[in-house]
Amino acid sequence: EKLTLMPSGAAAALVARRHAPGAEWELAPRLAGRAYATLPLPIPTGLPVHLNGRWEIASDRNSLAPEDARPRHEWNLLLASRVCAAAYARLLRELAAGAVFGGGGGGLRLGSAGRGGGGAPRRGGGA
């Protein structure tokens, strides 16, 4: 029987926040990104985003599979360099384009120089 795995990865960042319902949006402080495998891992990403993926982790859940655990280690390298890197690049492109994020019909729209927002967050319409 052949086992087939589907690579899955995502990048997430807190870009702006409100301290209370109805309060003004403000830019969030810089994030110290962590790795997640559905649940958080004690592994810093070194990036200002969190990376969630189908990582091959060590049995103690404190590290990724070591180099001598092939092909598990190679899986992690490919997941990071292709899947998560592409997710991070897409997040950056969408933020630069002024994407709207959030659920429930009222997301946060990030302004861009070409749209009169000057980079400041503002309330937006539906996601």
C-alpha atoms as a PDB file:
ATOM      1  CA  GLU A   1       0.000   0.000   0.000  1.00  0.00           C
ATOM      2  CA  LYS A   2       1.370   3.384  -1.014  1.00  0.00           C
ATOM      3  CA  LEU A   3       1.006   6.279   1.424  1.00  0.00           C
ATOM      4  CA  THR A   4       0.426   9.655  -0.182  1.00  0.00           C
ATOM      5  CA  LEU A   5       0.642  12.933   1.703  1.00  0.00           C
ATOM      6  CA  MET A   6      -0.739  16.244   0.543  1.00  0.00           C
ATOM      7  CA  PRO A   7       1.507  19.172   1.486  1.00  0.00           C
ATOM      8  CA  SER A   8      -0.371  21.913   3.269  1.00  0.00           C
ATOM      9  CA  GLY A   9       0.911  25.201   4.599  1.00  0.00           C
ATOM     10  CA  ALA A  10      -0.256  28.698   5.469  1.00  0.00           C
ATOM     11  CA  ALA A  11       1.115  32.013   6.696  1.00  0.00           C
ATOM     12  CA  ALA A  12      -0.705  34.194   9.217  1.00  0.00           C
ATOM     13  CA  ALA A  13      -0.005  37.565  10.784  1.00  0.00           C
ATOM     14  CA  LEU A  14      -1.862  39.974  13.013  1.00  0.00           C
ATOM     15  CA  VAL A  15      -1.743  43.143  10.936  1.00  0.00           C
ATOM     16  CA  ALA A  16      -4.125  45.408  12.854  1.00  0.00           C
ATOM     17  CA  ARG A  17      -6.306  45.195  15.919  1.00  0.00           C
ATOM     18  CA  ARG A  18      -8.919  46.996  18.015  1.00  0.00           C
ATOM     19  CA  HIS A  19      -8.882  47.114  21.794  1.00  0.00           C
ATOM     20  CA  ALA A  20     -12.683  47.204  22.061  1.00  0.00           C
ATOM     21  CA  PRO A  21     -15.682  46.734  19.762  1.00  0.00           C
ATOM     22  CA  GLY A  22     -16.235  49.921  17.772  1.00  0.00           C
ATOM     23  CA  ALA A  23     -12.773  51.292  18.607  1.00  0.00           C
ATOM     24  CA  GLU A  24     -10.421  52.494  15.904  1.00  0.00           C
ATOM     25  CA  TRP A  25      -8.155  49.982  14.173  1.00  0.00           C
ATOM     26  CA  GLU A  26      -4.452  50.304  14.924  1.00  0.00           C
ATOM     27  CA  LEU A  27      -1.453  48.591  13.436  1.00  0.00           C
ATOM     28  CA  ALA A  28      -0.389  45.598  15.497  1.00  0.00           C
ATOM     29  CA  PRO A  29       3.099  45.385  16.975  1.00  0.00           C
ATOM     30  CA  ARG A  30       5.654  43.270  15.119  1.00  0.00           C
ATOM     31  CA  LEU A  31       4.989  39.576  15.547  1.00  0.00           C
ATOM     32  CA  ALA A  32       7.602  36.997  16.550  1.00  0.00           C
ATOM     33  CA  GLY A  33       6.475  34.181  14.254  1.00  0.00           C
ATOM     34  CA  ARG A  34       6.137  30.572  15.384  1.00  0.00           C
ATOM     35  CA  ALA A  35       5.646  27.274  13.630  1.00  0.00           C
ATOM     36  CA  TYR A  36       2.320  25.492  14.010  1.00  0.00           C
ATOM     37  CA  ALA A  37       1.254  21.955  13.187  1.00  0.00           C
ATOM     38  CA  THR A  38      -2.396  22.737  13.901  1.00  0.00           C
ATOM     39  CA  LEU A  39      -1.246  23.393  17.482  1.00  0.00           C
ATOM     40  CA  PRO A  40       1.601  25.790  18.293  1.00  0.00           C
ATOM     41  CA  LEU A  41       5.137  24.429  18.367  1.00  0.00           C
ATOM     42  CA  PRO A  42       7.951  25.998  20.417  1.00  0.00           C
ATOM     43  CA  ILE A  43       9.833  26.720  17.191  1.00  0.00           C
ATOM     44  CA  PRO A  44      10.446  30.325  16.075  1.00  0.00           C
ATOM     45  CA  THR A  45      10.165  30.937  12.333  1.00  0.00           C
ATOM     46  CA  GLY A  46      12.480  33.935  12.277  1.00  0.00           C
ATOM     47  CA  LEU A  47       9.771  35.709  10.265  1.00  0.00           C
ATOM     48  CA  PRO A  48       7.109  38.268  11.266  1.00  0.00           C
ATOM     49  CA  VAL A  49       4.427  35.640  10.482  1.00  0.00           C
ATOM     50  CA  HIS A  50       3.267  32.317  11.873  1.00  0.00           C
ATOM     51  CA  LEU A  51       3.665  29.293   9.578  1.00  0.00           C
ATOM     52  CA  ASN A  52       1.169  26.465   9.896  1.00  0.00           C
ATOM     53  CA  GLY A  53       1.872  23.272   8.030  1.00  0.00           C
ATOM     54  CA  ARG A  54       1.867  19.509   7.947  1.00  0.00           C
ATOM     55  CA  TRP A  55       5.336  19.397   9.452  1.00  0.00           C
ATOM     56  CA  GLU A  56       7.063  16.196  10.360  1.00  0.00           C
ATOM     57  CA  ILE A  57       7.815  16.815  14.006  1.00  0.00           C
ATOM     58  CA  ALA A  58       9.936  14.965  16.537  1.00  0.00           C
ATOM     59  CA  SER A  59       8.178  12.723  19.024  1.00  0.00           C
ATOM     60  CA  ASP A  60       8.624  15.292  21.816  1.00  0.00           C
ATOM     61  CA  ARG A  61       6.776  17.990  19.736  1.00  0.00           C
ATOM     62  CA  ASN A  62       9.595  20.424  20.546  1.00  0.00           C
ATOM     63  CA  SER A  63      11.410  20.298  17.217  1.00  0.00           C
ATOM     64  CA  LEU A  64      11.056  19.296  13.612  1.00  0.00           C
ATOM     65  CA  ALA A  65      12.307  15.929  12.388  1.00  0.00           C
ATOM     66  CA  PRO A  66      16.114  15.852  12.567  1.00  0.00           C
ATOM     67  CA  GLU A  67      18.391  15.696   9.507  1.00  0.00           C
ATOM     68  CA  ASP A  68      19.115  12.009  10.020  1.00  0.00           C
ATOM     69  CA  ALA A  69      15.382  11.180   9.804  1.00  0.00           C
ATOM     70  CA  ARG A  70      15.067  11.144   6.028  1.00  0.00           C
ATOM     71  CA  PRO A  71      12.709  11.507   4.178  1.00  0.00           C
ATOM     72  CA  ARG A  72      10.885  13.295   7.031  1.00  0.00           C
ATOM     73  CA  HIS A  73      13.524  16.044   7.168  1.00  0.00           C
ATOM     74  CA  GLU A  74      13.404  16.506   3.388  1.00  0.00           C
ATOM     75  CA  TRP A  75       9.611  16.809   3.611  1.00  0.00           C
ATOM     76  CA  ASN A  76      10.019  19.731   6.037  1.00  0.00           C
ATOM     77  CA  LEU A  77      12.572  21.440   3.797  1.00  0.00           C
ATOM     78  CA  LEU A  78      10.250  21.220   0.792  1.00  0.00           C
ATOM     79  CA  LEU A  79       7.227  22.288   2.837  1.00  0.00           C
ATOM     80  CA  ALA A  80       9.077  25.378   4.074  1.00  0.00           C
ATOM     81  CA  SER A  81      10.781  26.325   0.808  1.00  0.00           C
ATOM     82  CA  ARG A  82       7.854  25.770  -1.528  1.00  0.00           C
ATOM     83  CA  VAL A  83       4.481  25.639   0.208  1.00  0.00           C
ATOM     84  CA  CYS A  84       4.962  28.003   3.163  1.00  0.00           C
ATOM     85  CA  ALA A  85       7.181  30.372   1.168  1.00  0.00           C
ATOM     86  CA  ALA A  86       4.441  30.636  -1.472  1.00  0.00           C
ATOM     87  CA  ALA A  87       1.817  31.259   1.236  1.00  0.00           C
ATOM     88  CA  TYR A  88       3.966  34.011   2.776  1.00  0.00           C
ATOM     89  CA  ALA A  89       4.540  35.615  -0.636  1.00  0.00           C
ATOM     90  CA  ARG A  90       0.803  35.553  -1.339  1.00  0.00           C
ATOM     91  CA  LEU A  91       0.056  37.157   2.024  1.00  0.00           C
ATOM     92  CA  LEU A  92       2.525  39.960   1.248  1.00  0.00           C
ATOM     93  CA  ARG A  93       1.111  40.470  -2.264  1.00  0.00           C
ATOM     94  CA  GLU A  94      -2.444  40.669  -0.976  1.00  0.00           C
ATOM     95  CA  LEU A  95      -1.508  43.090   1.796  1.00  0.00           C
ATOM     96  CA  ALA A  96       0.329  45.276  -0.717  1.00  0.00           C
ATOM     97  CA  ALA A  97      -2.727  45.226  -2.991  1.00  0.00           C
ATOM     98  CA  GLY A  98      -5.007  46.412  -0.174  1.00  0.00           C
ATOM     99  CA  ALA A  99      -6.765  43.110   0.455  1.00  0.00           C
ATOM    100  CA  VAL A 100      -9.734  42.884   2.806  1.00  0.00           C
ATOM    101  CA  PHE A 101      -9.461  40.350   5.599  1.00  0.00           C
ATOM    102  CA  GLY A 102     -11.777  39.275   8.366  1.00  0.00           C
ATOM    103  CA  GLY A 103     -15.054  37.456   8.629  1.00  0.00           C
ATOM    104  CA  GLY A 104     -18.653  38.314   9.238  1.00  0.00           C
ATOM    105  CA  GLY A 105     -18.990  40.840   6.430  1.00  0.00           C
ATOM    106  CA  GLY A 106     -16.862  43.564   8.018  1.00  0.00           C
ATOM    107  CA  GLY A 107     -13.203  43.045   7.398  1.00  0.00           C
ATOM    108  CA  LEU A 108     -10.203  45.265   7.669  1.00  0.00           C
ATOM    109  CA  ARG A 109      -9.074  46.918   4.461  1.00  0.00           C
ATOM    110  CA  LEU A 110      -5.447  47.916   4.252  1.00  0.00           C
ATOM    111  CA  GLY A 111      -4.880  51.028   2.217  1.00  0.00           C
ATOM    112  CA  SER A 112      -2.216  51.338  -0.447  1.00  0.00           C
ATOM    113  CA  ALA A 113      -0.620  54.394  -1.992  1.00  0.00           C
ATOM    114  CA  GLY A 114      -2.672  54.055  -5.175  1.00  0.00           C
ATOM    115  CA  ARG A 115      -5.979  53.826  -3.357  1.00  0.00           C
ATOM    116  CA  GLY A 116      -5.852  56.857  -1.119  1.00  0.00           C
ATOM    117  CA  GLY A 117      -5.237  54.853   2.028  1.00  0.00           C
ATOM    118  CA  GLY A 118      -1.629  55.846   2.534  1.00  0.00           C
ATOM    119  CA  GLY A 119      -0.951  52.486   4.165  1.00  0.00           C
ATOM    120  CA  ALA A 120      -3.258  53.132   7.117  1.00  0.00           C
ATOM    121  CA  PRO A 121      -5.824  50.498   8.050  1.00  0.00           C
ATOM    122  CA  ARG A 122      -9.494  51.363   7.605  1.00  0.00           C
ATOM    123  CA  ARG A 123     -12.760  49.474   7.953  1.00  0.00           C
ATOM    124  CA  GLY A 124     -13.820  47.788   4.795  1.00  0.00           C
ATOM    125  CA  GLY A 125     -16.819  46.012   3.379  1.00  0.00           C
ATOM    126  CA  GLY A 126     -17.274  42.275   3.005  1.00  0.00           C
ATOM    127  CA  ALA A 127     -14.453  39.820   2.740  1.00  0.00           C
END
